[in-house]
Amino acid sequence: MPMFEIFETFITAQGDFTEEDLRLLRSHTTVKKIRRKEFLLQEGEICRYKIFVAKGLLKTYVVRHDGVEHILRFSPENSWATDHESMKTQTPTRINIEALENTEVILWTRESLDESCKTVPAFQTYMGRLMENALRITHERVLINLSYTTEEKYEDFITSFPDVFNRVPLHMVASYLGVSRETLSRIRHARIKQ
């Protein structure tokens, strides 16, 4: 299925979009194929795009001064990625967005996103819900990181992201959970024994 048709199928399940709405949305986007390990955004750049993942998998992460990578999120099919603050304020980002697989994305610039929201009210409504959901997910992630044991974090990740869990190496799951690979391996082996 062509990339924009994947997006059309996704977005029409989210709200009441007419054929004209979809035509306008298509006119405001760019479709792009990204190779595995290719970056859509690197630290120090200004974020230029709101990214919808049609196929593939992205990771959003930061790198500490000592070179340690901390994964903030995974973006599989039918999800979004960006640095909202950098895109909004046009200031350099601290994050990286990289393809973990060959990935197909649909891109909106800040201007084309604003235009899409202006000309397609249903899209503006959807974007508002998307931002509310992103805030809820961030809040939930903070609570999990502060109050769950490592074992509970691991169980939550497997339950919440079963498709991602099967597509990424264990060290990336450990990075996302904020634990060492060795700790995660020990928990995983104990779980298998049960």
N, C-alpha and C. Protein backbone atom coordinates (compact mmCIF):
# COMPACT_ATOMS: atom_id res chain seq x y z
N MET A 1 0.85 -1.18 0.00
CA MET A 1 0.00 0.00 0.00
C MET A 1 0.90 1.24 0.00
N PRO A 2 0.61 2.20 -0.89
CA PRO A 2 1.42 3.44 -0.91
C PRO A 2 1.35 4.17 0.43
N MET A 3 2.42 4.90 0.71
CA MET A 3 2.58 5.54 2.02
C MET A 3 1.41 6.42 2.42
N PHE A 4 0.99 7.31 1.51
CA PHE A 4 -0.07 8.23 1.93
C PHE A 4 -1.39 7.50 2.13
N GLU A 5 -1.61 6.42 1.41
CA GLU A 5 -2.83 5.63 1.63
C GLU A 5 -2.82 4.99 3.02
N ILE A 6 -1.63 4.61 3.49
CA ILE A 6 -1.52 4.09 4.86
C ILE A 6 -1.95 5.17 5.85
N PHE A 7 -1.48 6.39 5.62
CA PHE A 7 -1.86 7.50 6.48
C PHE A 7 -3.36 7.78 6.38
N GLU A 8 -3.91 7.76 5.16
CA GLU A 8 -5.35 7.99 4.98
C GLU A 8 -6.17 6.98 5.77
N THR A 9 -5.78 5.71 5.70
CA THR A 9 -6.49 4.66 6.45
C THR A 9 -6.43 4.95 7.94
N PHE A 10 -5.25 5.34 8.40
CA PHE A 10 -5.06 5.66 9.82
C PHE A 10 -5.90 6.86 10.24
N ILE A 11 -5.79 7.96 9.50
CA ILE A 11 -6.41 9.21 9.93
C ILE A 11 -7.93 9.16 9.82
N THR A 12 -8.47 8.45 8.84
CA THR A 12 -9.93 8.37 8.72
C THR A 12 -10.54 7.56 9.85
N ALA A 13 -9.74 6.73 10.50
CA ALA A 13 -10.22 6.00 11.68
C ALA A 13 -10.21 6.91 12.92
N GLN A 14 -9.54 8.07 12.82
CA GLN A 14 -9.41 8.98 13.96
C GLN A 14 -10.45 10.09 13.95
N GLY A 15 -11.15 10.28 12.83
CA GLY A 15 -12.11 11.39 12.75
C GLY A 15 -12.84 11.37 11.43
N ASP A 16 -13.67 12.37 11.24
CA ASP A 16 -14.51 12.47 10.05
C ASP A 16 -13.81 13.33 8.99
N PHE A 17 -13.09 12.67 8.09
CA PHE A 17 -12.34 13.36 7.05
C PHE A 17 -12.98 13.12 5.69
N THR A 18 -13.18 14.20 4.94
CA THR A 18 -13.74 14.09 3.59
C THR A 18 -12.62 13.81 2.59
N GLU A 19 -13.02 13.49 1.38
CA GLU A 19 -12.03 13.31 0.30
C GLU A 19 -11.25 14.60 0.07
N GLU A 20 -11.93 15.73 0.16
CA GLU A 20 -11.26 17.03 -0.01
C GLU A 20 -10.26 17.26 1.13
N ASP A 21 -10.62 16.88 2.35
CA ASP A 21 -9.69 16.99 3.48
C ASP A 21 -8.42 16.19 3.20
N LEU A 22 -8.60 14.97 2.73
CA LEU A 22 -7.46 14.09 2.47
C LEU A 22 -6.60 14.65 1.34
N ARG A 23 -7.24 15.23 0.32
CA ARG A 23 -6.50 15.84 -0.79
C ARG A 23 -5.66 17.01 -0.27
N LEU A 24 -6.26 17.84 0.59
CA LEU A 24 -5.53 18.98 1.16
C LEU A 24 -4.36 18.50 2.03
N LEU A 25 -4.61 17.49 2.85
CA LEU A 25 -3.54 16.96 3.69
C LEU A 25 -2.39 16.43 2.84
N ARG A 26 -2.73 15.70 1.79
CA ARG A 26 -1.70 15.16 0.90
C ARG A 26 -0.88 16.29 0.28
N SER A 27 -1.53 17.39 -0.08
CA SER A 27 -0.83 18.50 -0.73
C SER A 27 0.14 19.21 0.21
N HIS A 28 -0.02 19.01 1.52
CA HIS A 28 0.84 19.67 2.50
C HIS A 28 1.98 18.79 3.01
N THR A 29 2.11 17.60 2.46
CA THR A 29 3.09 16.66 3.00
C THR A 29 4.17 16.29 1.98
N THR A 30 5.22 15.69 2.52
CA THR A 30 6.28 15.09 1.72
C THR A 30 6.42 13.65 2.20
N VAL A 31 6.54 12.73 1.26
CA VAL A 31 6.78 11.33 1.65
C VAL A 31 8.26 11.03 1.41
N LYS A 32 8.81 10.20 2.29
CA LYS A 32 10.25 9.94 2.20
C LYS A 32 10.56 8.53 2.70
N LYS A 33 11.51 7.89 2.04
CA LYS A 33 12.02 6.60 2.50
C LYS A 33 13.35 6.84 3.20
N ILE A 34 13.49 6.25 4.37
CA ILE A 34 14.68 6.43 5.20
C ILE A 34 15.33 5.06 5.37
N ARG A 35 16.63 5.01 5.14
CA ARG A 35 17.35 3.74 5.34
C ARG A 35 17.65 3.52 6.82
N ARG A 36 17.80 2.27 7.18
CA ARG A 36 18.18 1.90 8.55
C ARG A 36 19.45 2.68 8.94
N LYS A 37 19.47 3.19 10.15
CA LYS A 37 20.56 3.98 10.72
C LYS A 37 20.65 5.40 10.16
N GLU A 38 19.71 5.79 9.33
CA GLU A 38 19.69 7.17 8.81
C GLU A 38 18.95 8.06 9.82
N PHE A 39 19.42 9.30 9.95
CA PHE A 39 18.83 10.24 10.89
C PHE A 39 17.79 11.12 10.21
N LEU A 40 16.71 11.39 10.94
CA LEU A 40 15.75 12.41 10.53
C LEU A 40 16.01 13.70 11.30
N LEU A 41 16.69 13.58 12.44
CA LEU A 41 17.03 14.73 13.27
C LEU A 41 18.24 14.37 14.10
N GLN A 42 19.19 15.31 14.21
CA GLN A 42 20.36 15.10 15.05
C GLN A 42 20.54 16.27 16.00
N GLU A 43 21.10 15.96 17.17
CA GLU A 43 21.35 16.98 18.18
C GLU A 43 22.06 18.18 17.55
N GLY A 44 21.59 19.37 17.91
CA GLY A 44 22.17 20.61 17.39
C GLY A 44 21.44 21.18 16.19
N GLU A 45 20.65 20.34 15.51
CA GLU A 45 19.86 20.82 14.37
C GLU A 45 18.56 21.43 14.89
N ILE A 46 17.90 22.17 14.02
CA ILE A 46 16.55 22.65 14.32
C ILE A 46 15.57 21.66 13.72
N CYS A 47 14.62 21.22 14.51
CA CYS A 47 13.63 20.24 14.04
C CYS A 47 12.77 20.88 12.96
N ARG A 48 12.75 20.27 11.81
CA ARG A 48 11.99 20.82 10.68
C ARG A 48 10.70 20.09 10.40
N TYR A 49 10.49 18.89 11.00
CA TYR A 49 9.34 18.08 10.60
C TYR A 49 8.59 17.46 11.76
N LYS A 50 7.29 17.34 11.56
CA LYS A 50 6.45 16.43 12.33
C LYS A 50 6.38 15.19 11.46
N ILE A 51 6.67 14.04 12.03
CA ILE A 51 6.91 12.81 11.27
C ILE A 51 5.84 11.77 11.60
N PHE A 52 5.18 11.25 10.58
CA PHE A 52 4.26 10.12 10.73
C PHE A 52 4.95 8.90 10.14
N VAL A 53 5.00 7.82 10.90
CA VAL A 53 5.64 6.59 10.45
C VAL A 53 4.61 5.71 9.75
N ALA A 54 4.76 5.55 8.44
CA ALA A 54 3.85 4.69 7.67
C ALA A 54 4.31 3.23 7.75
N LYS A 55 5.62 3.03 7.63
CA LYS A 55 6.21 1.68 7.75
C LYS A 55 7.56 1.83 8.41
N GLY A 56 7.93 0.84 9.22
CA GLY A 56 9.25 0.87 9.83
C GLY A 56 9.22 1.25 11.30
N LEU A 57 10.37 1.69 11.80
CA LEU A 57 10.53 1.96 13.23
C LEU A 57 11.61 3.02 13.44
N LEU A 58 11.28 4.03 14.23
CA LEU A 58 12.22 5.09 14.60
C LEU A 58 12.49 5.03 16.11
N LYS A 59 13.66 5.53 16.49
CA LYS A 59 13.91 5.74 17.93
C LYS A 59 14.28 7.19 18.13
N THR A 60 13.80 7.74 19.23
CA THR A 60 14.12 9.09 19.64
C THR A 60 14.97 8.97 20.91
N TYR A 61 16.13 9.62 20.91
CA TYR A 61 17.04 9.44 22.04
C TYR A 61 17.94 10.64 22.24
N VAL A 62 18.55 10.68 23.42
CA VAL A 62 19.58 11.67 23.74
C VAL A 62 20.86 10.92 24.07
N VAL A 63 21.98 11.60 23.90
CA VAL A 63 23.28 11.02 24.25
C VAL A 63 23.90 11.90 25.33
N ARG A 64 24.21 11.29 26.47
CA ARG A 64 24.86 12.02 27.57
C ARG A 64 26.27 12.42 27.18
N HIS A 65 26.83 13.33 27.93
CA HIS A 65 28.20 13.81 27.68
C HIS A 65 29.22 12.68 27.69
N ASP A 66 28.94 11.59 28.41
CA ASP A 66 29.88 10.45 28.46
C ASP A 66 29.61 9.42 27.37
N GLY A 67 28.68 9.74 26.45
CA GLY A 67 28.41 8.85 25.32
C GLY A 67 27.30 7.84 25.55
N VAL A 68 26.72 7.81 26.74
CA VAL A 68 25.65 6.86 27.03
C VAL A 68 24.35 7.35 26.38
N GLU A 69 23.69 6.43 25.69
CA GLU A 69 22.45 6.74 24.98
C GLU A 69 21.24 6.43 25.86
N HIS A 70 20.28 7.35 25.88
CA HIS A 70 19.03 7.15 26.60
C HIS A 70 17.87 7.27 25.61
N ILE A 71 17.17 6.16 25.39
CA ILE A 71 16.05 6.16 24.44
C ILE A 71 14.81 6.72 25.13
N LEU A 72 14.23 7.74 24.50
CA LEU A 72 13.05 8.39 25.04
C LEU A 72 11.78 7.71 24.55
N ARG A 73 11.80 7.26 23.29
CA ARG A 73 10.61 6.59 22.75
C ARG A 73 10.95 5.84 21.47
N PHE A 74 10.10 4.88 21.18
CA PHE A 74 10.12 4.17 19.90
C PHE A 74 8.88 4.59 19.13
N SER A 75 9.00 4.75 17.82
CA SER A 75 7.86 5.13 16.99
C SER A 75 7.71 4.10 15.88
N PRO A 76 6.82 3.11 16.09
CA PRO A 76 6.54 2.13 15.04
C PRO A 76 5.47 2.66 14.08
N GLU A 77 4.98 1.80 13.21
CA GLU A 77 3.94 2.18 12.26
C GLU A 77 2.76 2.86 12.97
N ASN A 78 2.19 3.83 12.27
CA ASN A 78 1.01 4.57 12.75
C ASN A 78 1.28 5.34 14.03
N SER A 79 2.49 5.85 14.16
CA SER A 79 2.80 6.73 15.29
C SER A 79 3.60 7.92 14.77
N TRP A 80 3.86 8.84 15.67
CA TRP A 80 4.47 10.12 15.31
C TRP A 80 5.79 10.31 16.04
N ALA A 81 6.64 11.17 15.47
CA ALA A 81 7.89 11.55 16.11
C ALA A 81 8.22 12.99 15.74
N THR A 82 8.82 13.71 16.66
CA THR A 82 9.29 15.07 16.41
C THR A 82 9.92 15.60 17.69
N ASP A 83 10.49 16.78 17.64
CA ASP A 83 10.84 17.53 18.84
C ASP A 83 9.98 18.78 18.80
N HIS A 84 8.85 18.75 19.53
CA HIS A 84 7.88 19.84 19.49
C HIS A 84 8.52 21.18 19.84
N GLU A 85 9.34 21.20 20.89
CA GLU A 85 9.92 22.45 21.36
C GLU A 85 10.84 23.08 20.30
N SER A 86 11.72 22.25 19.73
CA SER A 86 12.65 22.76 18.70
C SER A 86 11.88 23.25 17.48
N MET A 87 10.86 22.51 17.08
CA MET A 87 10.09 22.88 15.90
C MET A 87 9.32 24.18 16.14
N LYS A 88 8.74 24.29 17.33
CA LYS A 88 7.94 25.48 17.65
C LYS A 88 8.80 26.72 17.81
N THR A 89 9.92 26.60 18.53
CA THR A 89 10.74 27.78 18.84
C THR A 89 11.88 28.00 17.84
N GLN A 90 12.07 27.01 16.95
CA GLN A 90 13.16 27.07 15.97
C GLN A 90 14.53 27.22 16.65
N THR A 91 14.69 26.44 17.73
CA THR A 91 15.96 26.40 18.45
C THR A 91 16.58 25.01 18.30
N PRO A 92 17.90 24.89 18.45
CA PRO A 92 18.55 23.59 18.28
C PRO A 92 18.02 22.53 19.24
N THR A 93 17.89 21.33 18.73
CA THR A 93 17.38 20.21 19.50
C THR A 93 18.48 19.55 20.31
N ARG A 94 18.09 18.83 21.34
CA ARG A 94 19.02 18.01 22.10
C ARG A 94 18.82 16.53 21.77
N ILE A 95 17.83 16.22 20.94
CA ILE A 95 17.50 14.83 20.67
C ILE A 95 17.94 14.39 19.27
N ASN A 96 17.91 13.09 19.08
CA ASN A 96 18.19 12.46 17.79
C ASN A 96 16.99 11.59 17.44
N ILE A 97 16.64 11.55 16.17
CA ILE A 97 15.61 10.63 15.68
C ILE A 97 16.25 9.83 14.56
N GLU A 98 16.32 8.52 14.74
CA GLU A 98 17.05 7.63 13.84
C GLU A 98 16.18 6.44 13.46
N ALA A 99 16.32 5.98 12.22
CA ALA A 99 15.59 4.80 11.75
C ALA A 99 16.28 3.53 12.26
N LEU A 100 15.51 2.66 12.88
CA LEU A 100 16.03 1.36 13.32
C LEU A 100 15.85 0.30 12.24
N GLU A 101 14.97 0.59 11.29
CA GLU A 101 14.70 -0.28 10.14
C GLU A 101 14.56 0.63 8.93
N ASN A 102 14.57 0.05 7.74
CA ASN A 102 14.19 0.84 6.57
C ASN A 102 12.77 1.32 6.83
N THR A 103 12.56 2.63 6.73
CA THR A 103 11.33 3.25 7.21
C THR A 103 10.76 4.19 6.15
N GLU A 104 9.44 4.25 6.09
CA GLU A 104 8.75 5.17 5.21
C GLU A 104 7.97 6.14 6.06
N VAL A 105 8.18 7.43 5.81
CA VAL A 105 7.57 8.46 6.65
C VAL A 105 6.84 9.50 5.80
N ILE A 106 5.92 10.18 6.46
CA ILE A 106 5.24 11.33 5.87
C ILE A 106 5.62 12.53 6.74
N LEU A 107 6.05 13.60 6.09
CA LEU A 107 6.61 14.75 6.79
C LEU A 107 5.76 16.00 6.59
N TRP A 108 5.60 16.75 7.69
CA TRP A 108 4.98 18.07 7.65
C TRP A 108 6.01 19.06 8.17
N THR A 109 6.22 20.16 7.47
CA THR A 109 7.01 21.25 8.02
C THR A 109 6.12 22.00 9.01
N ARG A 110 6.70 22.91 9.75
CA ARG A 110 5.90 23.71 10.69
C ARG A 110 4.82 24.48 9.93
N GLU A 111 5.21 25.04 8.79
CA GLU A 111 4.26 25.82 7.99
C GLU A 111 3.16 24.94 7.40
N SER A 112 3.56 23.77 6.88
CA SER A 112 2.54 22.90 6.26
C SER A 112 1.63 22.29 7.31
N LEU A 113 2.13 22.07 8.52
CA LEU A 113 1.30 21.57 9.61
C LEU A 113 0.28 22.63 10.01
N ASP A 114 0.74 23.88 10.14
CA ASP A 114 -0.17 24.99 10.46
C ASP A 114 -1.24 25.12 9.38
N GLU A 115 -0.83 25.04 8.12
CA GLU A 115 -1.77 25.16 7.00
C GLU A 115 -2.76 23.99 7.00
N SER A 116 -2.29 22.78 7.29
CA SER A 116 -3.18 21.61 7.36
C SER A 116 -4.22 21.80 8.45
N CYS A 117 -3.79 22.32 9.59
CA CYS A 117 -4.73 22.54 10.70
C CYS A 117 -5.73 23.64 10.37
N LYS A 118 -5.29 24.66 9.64
CA LYS A 118 -6.19 25.76 9.25
C LYS A 118 -7.24 25.31 8.24
N THR A 119 -6.81 24.54 7.25
CA THR A 119 -7.71 24.18 6.16
C THR A 119 -8.52 22.91 6.41
N VAL A 120 -8.11 22.11 7.37
CA VAL A 120 -8.82 20.86 7.67
C VAL A 120 -9.13 20.83 9.18
N PRO A 121 -10.30 21.35 9.56
CA PRO A 121 -10.64 21.40 10.99
C PRO A 121 -10.57 20.04 11.69
N ALA A 122 -10.94 18.97 11.02
CA ALA A 122 -10.88 17.65 11.64
C ALA A 122 -9.43 17.28 11.98
N PHE A 123 -8.48 17.74 11.19
CA PHE A 123 -7.07 17.46 11.44
C PHE A 123 -6.59 18.28 12.66
N GLN A 124 -7.05 19.52 12.76
CA GLN A 124 -6.71 20.32 13.92
C GLN A 124 -7.24 19.68 15.20
N THR A 125 -8.46 19.16 15.14
CA THR A 125 -9.04 18.46 16.29
C THR A 125 -8.21 17.23 16.64
N TYR A 126 -7.83 16.47 15.61
CA TYR A 126 -7.01 15.29 15.84
C TYR A 126 -5.67 15.68 16.46
N MET A 127 -5.02 16.72 15.95
CA MET A 127 -3.72 17.15 16.48
C MET A 127 -3.84 17.56 17.95
N GLY A 128 -4.94 18.19 18.31
CA GLY A 128 -5.16 18.54 19.72
C GLY A 128 -5.24 17.29 20.59
N ARG A 129 -5.99 16.29 20.11
CA ARG A 129 -6.08 15.03 20.86
C ARG A 129 -4.73 14.33 20.93
N LEU A 130 -3.96 14.40 19.83
CA LEU A 130 -2.63 13.79 19.79
C LEU A 130 -1.71 14.42 20.85
N MET A 131 -1.75 15.74 20.97
CA MET A 131 -0.92 16.43 21.96
C MET A 131 -1.37 16.07 23.38
N GLU A 132 -2.68 15.99 23.61
CA GLU A 132 -3.19 15.58 24.92
C GLU A 132 -2.72 14.17 25.26
N ASN A 133 -2.78 13.29 24.28
CA ASN A 133 -2.36 11.91 24.48
C ASN A 133 -0.86 11.84 24.76
N ALA A 134 -0.07 12.62 24.04
CA ALA A 134 1.38 12.64 24.25
C ALA A 134 1.70 13.11 25.67
N LEU A 135 0.97 14.10 26.14
CA LEU A 135 1.17 14.60 27.51
C LEU A 135 0.81 13.53 28.53
N ARG A 136 -0.30 12.82 28.29
CA ARG A 136 -0.72 11.75 29.19
C ARG A 136 0.32 10.63 29.23
N ILE A 137 0.85 10.25 28.06
CA ILE A 137 1.85 9.18 27.97
C ILE A 137 3.13 9.59 28.69
N THR A 138 3.54 10.84 28.51
CA THR A 138 4.75 11.34 29.19
C THR A 138 4.56 11.31 30.70
N HIS A 139 3.41 11.76 31.15
CA HIS A 139 3.10 11.76 32.58
C HIS A 139 3.13 10.32 33.12
N GLU A 140 2.51 9.41 32.40
CA GLU A 140 2.48 8.01 32.81
C GLU A 140 3.89 7.43 32.86
N ARG A 141 4.72 7.78 31.88
CA ARG A 141 6.09 7.26 31.84
C ARG A 141 6.89 7.76 33.05
N VAL A 142 6.72 9.01 33.41
CA VAL A 142 7.41 9.55 34.59
C VAL A 142 6.97 8.79 35.84
N LEU A 143 5.67 8.57 35.99
CA LEU A 143 5.16 7.84 37.15
C LEU A 143 5.72 6.42 37.20
N ILE A 144 5.77 5.75 36.05
CA ILE A 144 6.32 4.38 35.99
C ILE A 144 7.79 4.39 36.39
N ASN A 145 8.55 5.35 35.84
CA ASN A 145 9.99 5.41 36.16
C ASN A 145 10.24 5.69 37.63
N LEU A 146 9.37 6.45 38.26
CA LEU A 146 9.56 6.80 39.66
C LEU A 146 9.04 5.73 40.63
N SER A 147 8.01 4.99 40.23
CA SER A 147 7.34 4.14 41.21
C SER A 147 7.39 2.63 40.92
N TYR A 148 7.76 2.22 39.71
CA TYR A 148 7.79 0.80 39.40
C TYR A 148 9.16 0.20 39.69
N THR A 149 9.16 -1.07 40.06
CA THR A 149 10.43 -1.79 40.16
C THR A 149 10.92 -2.06 38.73
N THR A 150 12.16 -2.48 38.61
CA THR A 150 12.70 -2.80 37.29
C THR A 150 11.89 -3.92 36.64
N GLU A 151 11.50 -4.91 37.43
CA GLU A 151 10.70 -6.02 36.92
C GLU A 151 9.36 -5.52 36.40
N GLU A 152 8.73 -4.60 37.13
CA GLU A 152 7.44 -4.05 36.70
C GLU A 152 7.59 -3.20 35.45
N LYS A 153 8.69 -2.45 35.34
CA LYS A 153 8.94 -1.66 34.13
C LYS A 153 9.07 -2.58 32.91
N TYR A 154 9.79 -3.67 33.08
CA TYR A 154 9.99 -4.64 32.01
C TYR A 154 8.66 -5.25 31.58
N GLU A 155 7.85 -5.68 32.54
CA GLU A 155 6.53 -6.26 32.25
C GLU A 155 5.64 -5.24 31.54
N ASP A 156 5.67 -4.00 32.01
CA ASP A 156 4.85 -2.96 31.39
C ASP A 156 5.28 -2.73 29.94
N PHE A 157 6.59 -2.72 29.69
CA PHE A 157 7.08 -2.51 28.33
C PHE A 157 6.61 -3.64 27.41
N ILE A 158 6.74 -4.88 27.86
CA ILE A 158 6.33 -6.03 27.04
C ILE A 158 4.84 -5.97 26.74
N THR A 159 4.06 -5.60 27.74
CA THR A 159 2.61 -5.52 27.57
C THR A 159 2.21 -4.35 26.68
N SER A 160 2.84 -3.20 26.89
CA SER A 160 2.47 -1.98 26.16
C SER A 160 3.00 -1.95 24.74
N PHE A 161 4.17 -2.55 24.51
CA PHE A 161 4.82 -2.46 23.20
C PHE A 161 5.31 -3.83 22.71
N PRO A 162 4.40 -4.83 22.61
CA PRO A 162 4.86 -6.17 22.23
C PRO A 162 5.51 -6.21 20.84
N ASP A 163 5.00 -5.43 19.92
CA ASP A 163 5.56 -5.41 18.57
C ASP A 163 6.97 -4.82 18.57
N VAL A 164 7.17 -3.74 19.31
CA VAL A 164 8.49 -3.10 19.39
C VAL A 164 9.46 -4.03 20.10
N PHE A 165 9.03 -4.66 21.18
CA PHE A 165 9.90 -5.55 21.96
C PHE A 165 10.53 -6.62 21.07
N ASN A 166 9.77 -7.15 20.15
CA ASN A 166 10.27 -8.20 19.25
C ASN A 166 11.15 -7.66 18.12
N ARG A 167 11.24 -6.35 17.97
CA ARG A 167 11.97 -5.76 16.84
C ARG A 167 13.27 -5.06 17.24
N VAL A 168 13.50 -4.90 18.54
CA VAL A 168 14.71 -4.17 18.97
C VAL A 168 15.57 -5.06 19.86
N PRO A 169 16.89 -4.84 19.84
CA PRO A 169 17.77 -5.63 20.71
C PRO A 169 17.55 -5.27 22.18
N LEU A 170 17.94 -6.19 23.04
CA LEU A 170 17.72 -6.05 24.48
C LEU A 170 18.39 -4.79 25.04
N HIS A 171 19.57 -4.42 24.53
CA HIS A 171 20.24 -3.22 25.07
C HIS A 171 19.42 -1.95 24.83
N MET A 172 18.61 -1.93 23.76
CA MET A 172 17.76 -0.76 23.51
C MET A 172 16.57 -0.74 24.46
N VAL A 173 16.03 -1.90 24.77
CA VAL A 173 14.97 -1.97 25.77
C VAL A 173 15.52 -1.49 27.11
N ALA A 174 16.72 -1.93 27.46
CA ALA A 174 17.35 -1.51 28.71
C ALA A 174 17.54 0.01 28.73
N SER A 175 17.98 0.58 27.63
CA SER A 175 18.16 2.02 27.54
C SER A 175 16.84 2.75 27.74
N TYR A 176 15.79 2.26 27.12
CA TYR A 176 14.46 2.86 27.27
C TYR A 176 13.99 2.79 28.72
N LEU A 177 14.25 1.67 29.37
CA LEU A 177 13.79 1.48 30.75
C LEU A 177 14.71 2.15 31.78
N GLY A 178 15.91 2.55 31.34
CA GLY A 178 16.84 3.20 32.26
C GLY A 178 17.55 2.23 33.19
N VAL A 179 17.79 1.01 32.69
CA VAL A 179 18.50 0.00 33.48
C VAL A 179 19.66 -0.54 32.66
N SER A 180 20.57 -1.24 33.32
CA SER A 180 21.69 -1.83 32.58
C SER A 180 21.22 -3.05 31.82
N ARG A 181 21.96 -3.38 30.78
CA ARG A 181 21.64 -4.57 29.99
C ARG A 181 21.75 -5.83 30.85
N GLU A 182 22.73 -5.86 31.73
CA GLU A 182 22.94 -7.01 32.60
C GLU A 182 21.74 -7.22 33.53
N THR A 183 21.25 -6.13 34.10
CA THR A 183 20.07 -6.22 34.98
C THR A 183 18.87 -6.74 34.20
N LEU A 184 18.68 -6.20 33.00
CA LEU A 184 17.54 -6.63 32.18
C LEU A 184 17.68 -8.09 31.77
N SER A 185 18.89 -8.52 31.45
CA SER A 185 19.12 -9.93 31.11
C SER A 185 18.77 -10.84 32.28
N ARG A 186 19.17 -10.43 33.48
CA ARG A 186 18.87 -11.22 34.68
C ARG A 186 17.36 -11.32 34.90
N ILE A 187 16.66 -10.22 34.74
CA ILE A 187 15.19 -10.21 34.90
C ILE A 187 14.53 -11.08 33.83
N ARG A 188 15.02 -10.96 32.64
CA ARG A 188 14.45 -11.74 31.52
C ARG A 188 14.63 -13.24 31.76
N HIS A 189 15.82 -13.65 32.20
CA HIS A 189 16.08 -15.07 32.47
C HIS A 189 15.21 -15.58 33.62
N ALA A 190 15.06 -14.77 34.66
CA ALA A 190 14.21 -15.17 35.78
C ALA A 190 12.76 -15.33 35.34
N ARG A 191 12.33 -14.45 34.46
CA ARG A 191 10.95 -14.53 33.93
C ARG A 191 10.75 -15.79 33.10
N ILE A 192 11.74 -16.14 32.29
CA ILE A 192 11.67 -17.34 31.44
C ILE A 192 11.59 -18.59 32.30
N LYS A 193 12.33 -18.61 33.41
CA LYS A 193 12.33 -19.78 34.32
C LYS A 193 10.98 -20.00 34.97
N GLN A 194 10.24 -18.90 35.17
CA GLN A 194 8.92 -19.03 35.80
C GLN A 194 8.03 -19.71 34.84
